[in-house]
C-alpha atoms as a PDB file:
ATOM      1  CA  UNK A   1      19.558   1.747  19.627  1.00  0.00           C
ATOM      2  CA  UNK A   2      17.905   2.249  23.304  1.00  0.00           C
ATOM      3  CA  UNK A   3      17.235   6.313  22.400  1.00  0.00           C
ATOM      4  CA  UNK A   4      15.324   5.066  19.643  1.00  0.00           C
ATOM      5  CA  UNK A   5      13.588   2.166  21.250  1.00  0.00           C
ATOM      6  CA  UNK A   6      12.733   4.707  23.846  1.00  0.00           C
ATOM      7  CA  UNK A   7      10.903   7.527  21.771  1.00  0.00           C
ATOM      8  CA  UNK A   8       9.078   5.674  19.080  1.00  0.00           C
ATOM      9  CA  UNK A   9       5.505   5.787  19.073  1.00  0.00           C
ATOM     10  CA  UNK A  10       3.912   1.586  18.350  1.00  0.00           C
ATOM     11  CA  UNK A  11       0.688   2.233  19.133  1.00  0.00           C
ATOM     12  CA  UNK A  12      -2.186   2.302  16.701  1.00  0.00           C
ATOM     13  CA  UNK A  13      -2.714   6.194  16.697  1.00  0.00           C
ATOM     14  CA  UNK A  14       1.242   6.375  17.028  1.00  0.00           C
ATOM     15  CA  UNK A  15       1.606   3.969  13.503  1.00  0.00           C
ATOM     16  CA  UNK A  16      -0.808   6.484  11.963  1.00  0.00           C
ATOM     17  CA  UNK A  17       0.841   9.364  13.140  1.00  0.00           C
ATOM     18  CA  UNK A  18       4.376   8.434  11.170  1.00  0.00           C
ATOM     19  CA  UNK A  19       2.350   7.591   8.295  1.00  0.00           C
ATOM     20  CA  UNK A  20       0.549  11.014   8.434  1.00  0.00           C
ATOM     21  CA  UNK A  21       4.339  12.402   8.738  1.00  0.00           C
ATOM     22  CA  UNK A  22       5.817  10.782   5.528  1.00  0.00           C
ATOM     23  CA  UNK A  23       2.282  11.630   3.782  1.00  0.00           C
ATOM     24  CA  UNK A  24       3.253  15.381   4.866  1.00  0.00           C
ATOM     25  CA  UNK A  25       6.919  15.326   3.697  1.00  0.00           C
ATOM     26  CA  UNK A  26       6.556  13.225   0.520  1.00  0.00           C
ATOM     27  CA  UNK A  27       2.821  14.446  -0.379  1.00  0.00           C
ATOM     28  CA  UNK A  28       4.616  15.361  -4.116  1.00  0.00           C
ATOM     29  CA  UNK A  29       5.657  12.401  -4.976  1.00  0.00           C
ATOM     30  CA  UNK A  30       2.372  10.834  -3.397  1.00  0.00           C
ATOM     31  CA  UNK A  31       0.717  12.995  -5.117  1.00  0.00           C
ATOM     32  CA  UNK A  32       1.595  11.714  -8.082  1.00  0.00           C
ATOM     33  CA  UNK A  33       0.545   7.835  -6.785  1.00  0.00           C
ATOM     34  CA  UNK A  34      -2.985   9.723  -6.416  1.00  0.00           C
ATOM     35  CA  UNK A  35      -2.547  10.899 -10.563  1.00  0.00           C
ATOM     36  CA  UNK A  36      -0.928   7.476 -11.376  1.00  0.00           C
ATOM     37  CA  UNK A  37      -4.267   5.567 -10.183  1.00  0.00           C
ATOM     38  CA  UNK A  38      -6.613   7.791 -11.037  1.00  0.00           C
ATOM     39  CA  UNK A  39      -4.969   7.236 -14.954  1.00  0.00           C
ATOM     40  CA  UNK A  40      -5.424   3.516 -14.107  1.00  0.00           C
ATOM     41  CA  UNK A  41      -9.416   3.313 -12.621  1.00  0.00           C
ATOM     42  CA  UNK A  42     -10.072   5.378 -15.281  1.00  0.00           C
ATOM     43  CA  UNK A  43      -8.106   3.009 -18.251  1.00  0.00           C
ATOM     44  CA  UNK A  44      -9.722   0.120 -17.144  1.00  0.00           C
ATOM     45  CA  UNK A  45     -13.480   1.587 -17.079  1.00  0.00           C
ATOM     46  CA  UNK A  46     -13.020   3.042 -20.308  1.00  0.00           C
ATOM     47  CA  UNK A  47     -11.541  -0.395 -22.172  1.00  0.00           C
ATOM     48  CA  UNK A  48     -14.620  -2.542 -20.671  1.00  0.00           C
ATOM     49  CA  UNK A  49     -16.876  -0.020 -20.689  1.00  0.00           C
ATOM     50  CA  UNK A  50     -16.170   0.572 -24.992  1.00  0.00           C
ATOM     51  CA  UNK A  51     -15.219  -3.504 -25.399  1.00  0.00           C
ATOM     52  CA  UNK A  52     -11.911  -1.999 -27.302  1.00  0.00           C
ATOM     53  CA  UNK A  53     -10.297  -5.148 -29.056  1.00  0.00           C
ATOM     54  CA  UNK A  54     -13.202  -6.968 -28.022  1.00  0.00           C
ATOM     55  CA  UNK A  55     -13.186  -9.832 -25.086  1.00  0.00           C
ATOM     56  CA  UNK A  56      -9.762 -10.403 -25.683  1.00  0.00           C
ATOM     57  CA  UNK A  57      -8.402  -6.807 -26.276  1.00  0.00           C
ATOM     58  CA  UNK A  58     -10.313  -6.365 -23.350  1.00  0.00           C
ATOM     59  CA  UNK A  59      -8.543  -8.783 -21.107  1.00  0.00           C
ATOM     60  CA  UNK A  60      -4.952  -7.848 -22.598  1.00  0.00           C
ATOM     61  CA  UNK A  61      -5.370  -3.787 -22.304  1.00  0.00           C
ATOM     62  CA  UNK A  62      -6.411  -4.888 -18.343  1.00  0.00           C
ATOM     63  CA  UNK A  63      -3.093  -6.837 -18.183  1.00  0.00           C
ATOM     64  CA  UNK A  64      -1.197  -4.194 -19.726  1.00  0.00           C
ATOM     65  CA  UNK A  65      -2.834  -1.340 -17.768  1.00  0.00           C
ATOM     66  CA  UNK A  66      -2.009  -3.279 -14.291  1.00  0.00           C
ATOM     67  CA  UNK A  67       1.146  -3.965 -15.053  1.00  0.00           C
ATOM     68  CA  UNK A  68       2.356  -0.566 -15.766  1.00  0.00           C
ATOM     69  CA  UNK A  69       0.781   0.427 -13.012  1.00  0.00           C
ATOM     70  CA  UNK A  70       2.367  -1.766 -11.062  1.00  0.00           C
ATOM     71  CA  UNK A  71       6.127  -0.869 -12.021  1.00  0.00           C
ATOM     72  CA  UNK A  72       5.414   2.837 -11.794  1.00  0.00           C
ATOM     73  CA  UNK A  73       4.530   2.527  -8.130  1.00  0.00           C
ATOM     74  CA  UNK A  74       7.213   0.892  -7.428  1.00  0.00           C
ATOM     75  CA  UNK A  75       9.285   2.621  -8.696  1.00  0.00           C
ATOM     76  CA  UNK A  76       7.438   6.314  -6.790  1.00  0.00           C
ATOM     77  CA  UNK A  77       7.189   3.950  -3.556  1.00  0.00           C
ATOM     78  CA  UNK A  78      11.329   3.068  -3.714  1.00  0.00           C
ATOM     79  CA  UNK A  79      11.814   7.082  -4.177  1.00  0.00           C
ATOM     80  CA  UNK A  80       9.800   7.682  -1.527  1.00  0.00           C
ATOM     81  CA  UNK A  81      11.545   5.333   0.603  1.00  0.00           C
ATOM     82  CA  UNK A  82      15.100   6.818  -0.428  1.00  0.00           C
ATOM     83  CA  UNK A  83      14.079  10.384   0.169  1.00  0.00           C
ATOM     84  CA  UNK A  84      12.820   8.862   3.948  1.00  0.00           C
ATOM     85  CA  UNK A  85      16.587   7.881   4.364  1.00  0.00           C
ATOM     86  CA  UNK A  86      15.666   3.949   4.312  1.00  0.00           C
ATOM     87  CA  UNK A  87      17.299   3.284   1.156  1.00  0.00           C
ATOM     88  CA  UNK A  88      21.391   2.531   0.910  1.00  0.00           C
ATOM     89  CA  UNK A  89      23.005   4.082  -1.856  1.00  0.00           C
ATOM     90  CA  UNK A  90      24.257  -0.090  -2.917  1.00  0.00           C
ATOM     91  CA  UNK A  91      20.802  -1.756  -2.545  1.00  0.00           C
ATOM     92  CA  UNK A  92      20.006  -2.952  -5.411  1.00  0.00           C
ATOM     93  CA  UNK A  93      16.935  -2.829  -7.307  1.00  0.00           C
ATOM     94  CA  UNK A  94      14.927  -6.030  -7.171  1.00  0.00           C
ATOM     95  CA  UNK A  95      11.598  -5.946  -9.088  1.00  0.00           C
ATOM     96  CA  UNK A  96      10.694  -9.413  -9.806  1.00  0.00           C
ATOM     97  CA  UNK A  97      11.418 -10.606  -6.183  1.00  0.00           C
ATOM     98  CA  UNK A  98       9.415  -7.550  -4.967  1.00  0.00           C
ATOM     99  CA  UNK A  99       6.892  -8.920  -7.071  1.00  0.00           C
ATOM    100  CA  UNK A 100       7.137 -12.464  -5.872  1.00  0.00           C
ATOM    101  CA  UNK A 101       7.055 -11.011  -2.179  1.00  0.00           C
ATOM    102  CA  UNK A 102       3.781  -9.047  -2.645  1.00  0.00           C
ATOM    103  CA  UNK A 103       2.501 -12.519  -4.608  1.00  0.00           C
ATOM    104  CA  UNK A 104       3.049 -14.044  -1.281  1.00  0.00           C
ATOM    105  CA  UNK A 105       1.876 -11.417   1.009  1.00  0.00           C
ATOM    106  CA  UNK A 106      -1.508 -10.977  -1.082  1.00  0.00           C
ATOM    107  CA  UNK A 107      -1.971 -14.981  -0.474  1.00  0.00           C
ATOM    108  CA  UNK A 108      -1.612 -14.445   3.036  1.00  0.00           C
ATOM    109  CA  UNK A 109      -4.396 -11.144   3.091  1.00  0.00           C
ATOM    110  CA  UNK A 110      -6.346 -13.283   1.136  1.00  0.00           C
ATOM    111  CA  UNK A 111      -6.260 -16.314   3.484  1.00  0.00           C
ATOM    112  CA  UNK A 112      -6.339 -13.919   6.230  1.00  0.00           C
ATOM    113  CA  UNK A 113      -9.654 -11.942   5.654  1.00  0.00           C
ATOM    114  CA  UNK A 114     -11.396 -15.516   4.436  1.00  0.00           C
ATOM    115  CA  UNK A 115     -10.688 -16.991   7.636  1.00  0.00           C
ATOM    116  CA  UNK A 116     -11.664 -13.863   9.604  1.00  0.00           C
ATOM    117  CA  UNK A 117     -10.046 -15.757  12.400  1.00  0.00           C
ATOM    118  CA  UNK A 118      -7.174 -14.642  14.525  1.00  0.00           C
ATOM    119  CA  UNK A 119      -4.562 -17.055  13.247  1.00  0.00           C
ATOM    120  CA  UNK A 120      -4.929 -15.975   9.817  1.00  0.00           C
ATOM    121  CA  UNK A 121      -5.169 -11.877  10.311  1.00  0.00           C
ATOM    122  CA  UNK A 122      -1.966 -12.725  12.325  1.00  0.00           C
ATOM    123  CA  UNK A 123      -0.227 -14.567   9.044  1.00  0.00           C
ATOM    124  CA  UNK A 124      -1.462 -11.235   7.267  1.00  0.00           C
ATOM    125  CA  UNK A 125       0.099  -8.943   9.668  1.00  0.00           C
ATOM    126  CA  UNK A 126       3.431 -11.018  10.079  1.00  0.00           C
ATOM    127  CA  UNK A 127       3.845 -10.334   6.733  1.00  0.00           C
ATOM    128  CA  UNK A 128       3.042  -7.090   5.910  1.00  0.00           C
ATOM    129  CA  UNK A 129       6.097  -5.423   5.784  1.00  0.00           C
ATOM    130  CA  UNK A 130       8.022  -7.938   3.426  1.00  0.00           C
ATOM    131  CA  UNK A 131       7.829  -5.694   0.315  1.00  0.00           C
ATOM    132  CA  UNK A 132       9.191  -3.351   1.588  1.00  0.00           C
ATOM    133  CA  UNK A 133      12.190  -4.601   3.071  1.00  0.00           C
ATOM    134  CA  UNK A 134      13.070  -5.869  -0.330  1.00  0.00           C
ATOM    135  CA  UNK A 135      12.471  -2.169  -1.781  1.00  0.00           C
ATOM    136  CA  UNK A 136      14.724  -0.826   1.245  1.00  0.00           C
ATOM    137  CA  UNK A 137      17.051  -3.492   1.618  1.00  0.00           C
ATOM    138  CA  UNK A 138      17.333  -5.373  -1.896  1.00  0.00           C
ATOM    139  CA  UNK A 139      16.450  -8.451   0.602  1.00  0.00           C
ATOM    140  CA  UNK A 140      15.244 -12.007  -1.036  1.00  0.00           C
ATOM    141  CA  UNK A 141      11.653 -13.696  -0.800  1.00  0.00           C
ATOM    142  CA  UNK A 142      12.484 -15.631   2.346  1.00  0.00           C
ATOM    143  CA  UNK A 143      14.810 -12.912   4.143  1.00  0.00           C
ATOM    144  CA  UNK A 144      11.923 -10.430   3.553  1.00  0.00           C
ATOM    145  CA  UNK A 145       9.570 -12.634   4.746  1.00  0.00           C
ATOM    146  CA  UNK A 146      11.815 -13.739   7.972  1.00  0.00           C
ATOM    147  CA  UNK A 147      12.562  -9.729   8.268  1.00  0.00           C
ATOM    148  CA  UNK A 148       8.982  -8.781   8.507  1.00  0.00           C
ATOM    149  CA  UNK A 149       8.207 -11.325  10.758  1.00  0.00           C
ATOM    150  CA  UNK A 150      10.929  -9.555  13.912  1.00  0.00           C
ATOM    151  CA  UNK A 151       9.829  -6.612  13.089  1.00  0.00           C
ATOM    152  CA  UNK A 152       6.372  -6.974  13.410  1.00  0.00           C
ATOM    153  CA  UNK A 153       6.979  -9.318  16.530  1.00  0.00           C
ATOM    154  CA  UNK A 154       4.809  -7.678  19.651  1.00  0.00           C
ATOM    155  CA  UNK A 155       2.987  -5.224  17.470  1.00  0.00           C
ATOM    156  CA  UNK A 156       0.969  -7.075  15.351  1.00  0.00           C
ATOM    157  CA  UNK A 157      -2.246  -5.977  17.677  1.00  0.00           C
ATOM    158  CA  UNK A 158      -0.804  -1.930  17.073  1.00  0.00           C
ATOM    159  CA  UNK A 159      -0.413  -2.692  13.486  1.00  0.00           C
ATOM    160  CA  UNK A 160      -3.816  -4.012  13.231  1.00  0.00           C
ATOM    161  CA  UNK A 161      -5.933  -1.332  15.033  1.00  0.00           C
ATOM    162  CA  UNK A 162      -3.626   1.411  12.908  1.00  0.00           C
ATOM    163  CA  UNK A 163      -5.182  -0.504   9.392  1.00  0.00           C
ATOM    164  CA  UNK A 164      -8.685  -0.261  10.885  1.00  0.00           C
ATOM    165  CA  UNK A 165      -8.647   3.133  11.999  1.00  0.00           C
ATOM    166  CA  UNK A 166      -7.094   4.483   8.330  1.00  0.00           C
ATOM    167  CA  UNK A 167      -9.789   1.975   6.830  1.00  0.00           C
ATOM    168  CA  UNK A 168     -12.378   3.575   8.834  1.00  0.00           C
ATOM    169  CA  UNK A 169     -11.162   7.099   7.944  1.00  0.00           C
ATOM    170  CA  UNK A 170     -10.629   6.274   4.155  1.00  0.00           C
ATOM    171  CA  UNK A 171     -13.929   4.672   3.858  1.00  0.00           C
ATOM    172  CA  UNK A 172     -16.112   7.855   4.762  1.00  0.00           C
ATOM    173  CA  UNK A 173     -16.250   9.119   1.457  1.00  0.00           C
ATOM    174  CA  UNK A 174     -17.740   6.045   0.471  1.00  0.00           C
ATOM    175  CA  UNK A 175     -20.313   6.511   2.853  1.00  0.00           C
ATOM    176  CA  UNK A 176     -21.342   9.699   0.895  1.00  0.00           C
ATOM    177  CA  UNK A 177     -20.588   8.573  -2.243  1.00  0.00           C
ATOM    178  CA  UNK A 178     -23.100   5.295  -2.126  1.00  0.00           C
ATOM    179  CA  UNK A 179     -26.059   7.067  -0.632  1.00  0.00           C
ATOM    180  CA  UNK A 180     -25.742   9.787  -3.424  1.00  0.00           C
ATOM    181  CA  UNK A 181     -26.074   6.703  -6.378  1.00  0.00           C
ATOM    182  CA  UNK A 182     -29.211   5.424  -5.094  1.00  0.00           C
ATOM    183  CA  UNK A 183     -27.572   2.653  -3.277  1.00  0.00           C
ATOM    184  CA  UNK A 184     -25.123  -0.015  -3.876  1.00  0.00           C
ATOM    185  CA  UNK A 185     -26.918  -1.727  -7.047  1.00  0.00           C
ATOM    186  CA  UNK A 186     -27.083   1.749  -8.666  1.00  0.00           C
ATOM    187  CA  UNK A 187     -23.435   2.766  -7.718  1.00  0.00           C
ATOM    188  CA  UNK A 188     -22.188  -0.596  -9.180  1.00  0.00           C
ATOM    189  CA  UNK A 189     -24.263   0.058 -12.580  1.00  0.00           C
ATOM    190  CA  UNK A 190     -22.795   3.727 -12.616  1.00  0.00           C
ATOM    191  CA  UNK A 191     -21.091   4.377 -16.159  1.00  0.00           C
ATOM    192  CA  UNK A 192     -17.761   4.974 -16.238  1.00  0.00           C
ATOM    193  CA  UNK A 193     -17.436   8.839 -16.361  1.00  0.00           C
ATOM    194  CA  UNK A 194     -20.610  10.072 -14.746  1.00  0.00           C
ATOM    195  CA  UNK A 195     -19.543  12.483 -11.881  1.00  0.00           C
ATOM    196  CA  UNK A 196     -20.064   9.692  -8.972  1.00  0.00           C
ATOM    197  CA  UNK A 197     -18.162   7.035 -10.948  1.00  0.00           C
ATOM    198  CA  UNK A 198     -14.985   9.598 -10.863  1.00  0.00           C
ATOM    199  CA  UNK A 199     -15.463  11.210  -7.405  1.00  0.00           C
ATOM    200  CA  UNK A 200     -15.247   7.071  -6.589  1.00  0.00           C
ATOM    201  CA  UNK A 201     -12.131   6.943  -8.698  1.00  0.00           C
ATOM    202  CA  UNK A 202     -10.705   9.955  -7.617  1.00  0.00           C
ATOM    203  CA  UNK A 203     -11.640   8.909  -3.519  1.00  0.00           C
ATOM    204  CA  UNK A 204     -10.616   5.399  -4.116  1.00  0.00           C
ATOM    205  CA  UNK A 205      -6.860   6.770  -5.564  1.00  0.00           C
ATOM    206  CA  UNK A 206      -6.472   8.889  -2.262  1.00  0.00           C
ATOM    207  CA  UNK A 207      -7.732   6.192   0.026  1.00  0.00           C
ATOM    208  CA  UNK A 208      -5.110   3.956  -1.522  1.00  0.00           C
ATOM    209  CA  UNK A 209      -2.033   6.653  -0.856  1.00  0.00           C
ATOM    210  CA  UNK A 210      -3.187   7.222   2.564  1.00  0.00           C
ATOM    211  CA  UNK A 211      -2.959   3.396   2.961  1.00  0.00           C
ATOM    212  CA  UNK A 212       0.436   3.344   1.482  1.00  0.00           C
ATOM    213  CA  UNK A 213       1.737   6.386   3.667  1.00  0.00           C
ATOM    214  CA  UNK A 214       0.597   4.321   6.907  1.00  0.00           C
ATOM    215  CA  UNK A 215       2.274   1.578   5.743  1.00  0.00           C
ATOM    216  CA  UNK A 216       5.318   3.300   4.657  1.00  0.00           C
ATOM    217  CA  UNK A 217       4.710   4.622   8.160  1.00  0.00           C
ATOM    218  CA  UNK A 218       4.653   1.757  10.197  1.00  0.00           C
ATOM    219  CA  UNK A 219       7.792   0.677   8.695  1.00  0.00           C
ATOM    220  CA  UNK A 220       9.816   3.728   9.039  1.00  0.00           C
ATOM    221  CA  UNK A 221       8.605   3.313  13.112  1.00  0.00           C
ATOM    222  CA  UNK A 222       9.067  -0.614  13.271  1.00  0.00           C
ATOM    223  CA  UNK A 223      12.224  -1.182  11.138  1.00  0.00           C
ATOM    224  CA  UNK A 224      13.449   1.827   9.111  1.00  0.00           C
ATOM    225  CA  UNK A 225      15.647   3.490  12.407  1.00  0.00           C
ATOM    226  CA  UNK A 226      17.639   0.256  11.667  1.00  0.00           C
ATOM    227  CA  UNK A 227      18.110   1.219   8.251  1.00  0.00           C
ATOM    228  CA  UNK A 228      19.142   4.758   9.190  1.00  0.00           C
ATOM    229  CA  UNK A 229      21.475   3.692  12.186  1.00  0.00           C
ATOM    230  CA  UNK A 230      23.072   1.105   9.576  1.00  0.00           C
ATOM    231  CA  UNK A 231      23.855   4.166   7.287  1.00  0.00           C
ATOM    232  CA  UNK A 232      25.605   6.440  10.149  1.00  0.00           C
ATOM    233  CA  UNK A 233      27.306   3.613  11.826  1.00  0.00           C
ATOM    234  CA  UNK A 234      27.576   0.898   9.484  1.00  0.00           C
END
């Protein structure tokens, strides 16, 4: 374990580099995520634009699309972790626990972003890895929150730096697309099947995958070595 601790790079750029390494190794699965997310976003925009089934039908269709996307992304995310050697062969699949943990983290994330204060942001970073602990180790909600707290302890500023830098990088295409549409108001009013809107969907899907890869890189750096050592020495 001392060897692992001494050789891992927990700086912001090191965490991003770990994420890019995951992206390079698992690009096929992550590309599948891109395709799924593009289809989900296009489906939602199509349903909204055509008001299929009236207001009730639109709500039901959007819920169904979101749930389907969540299930498919859950499966692919776990596959990526498995191919990275971060999921044990006997680790249970705990989908509903993952959903519950994701909701708790989502509330913490919203709280942190709403306050825009250091304590709120630190709470968000504290629980950032909790859903991944459910996927990789089959933990419960409380157990995964505690595991994320321990894994991120002492590294939260580096994690924040990695997330901010990633956000800047994946936001670059939108700095081109929004002016090309004629400004923010025109951008928001684009038809769902216009070239710029479709380009935005692709850029958003790619951005989500890059962000997920960096998230996995953070997990692999801060907690994943314990999983691998557990497989070898457990």
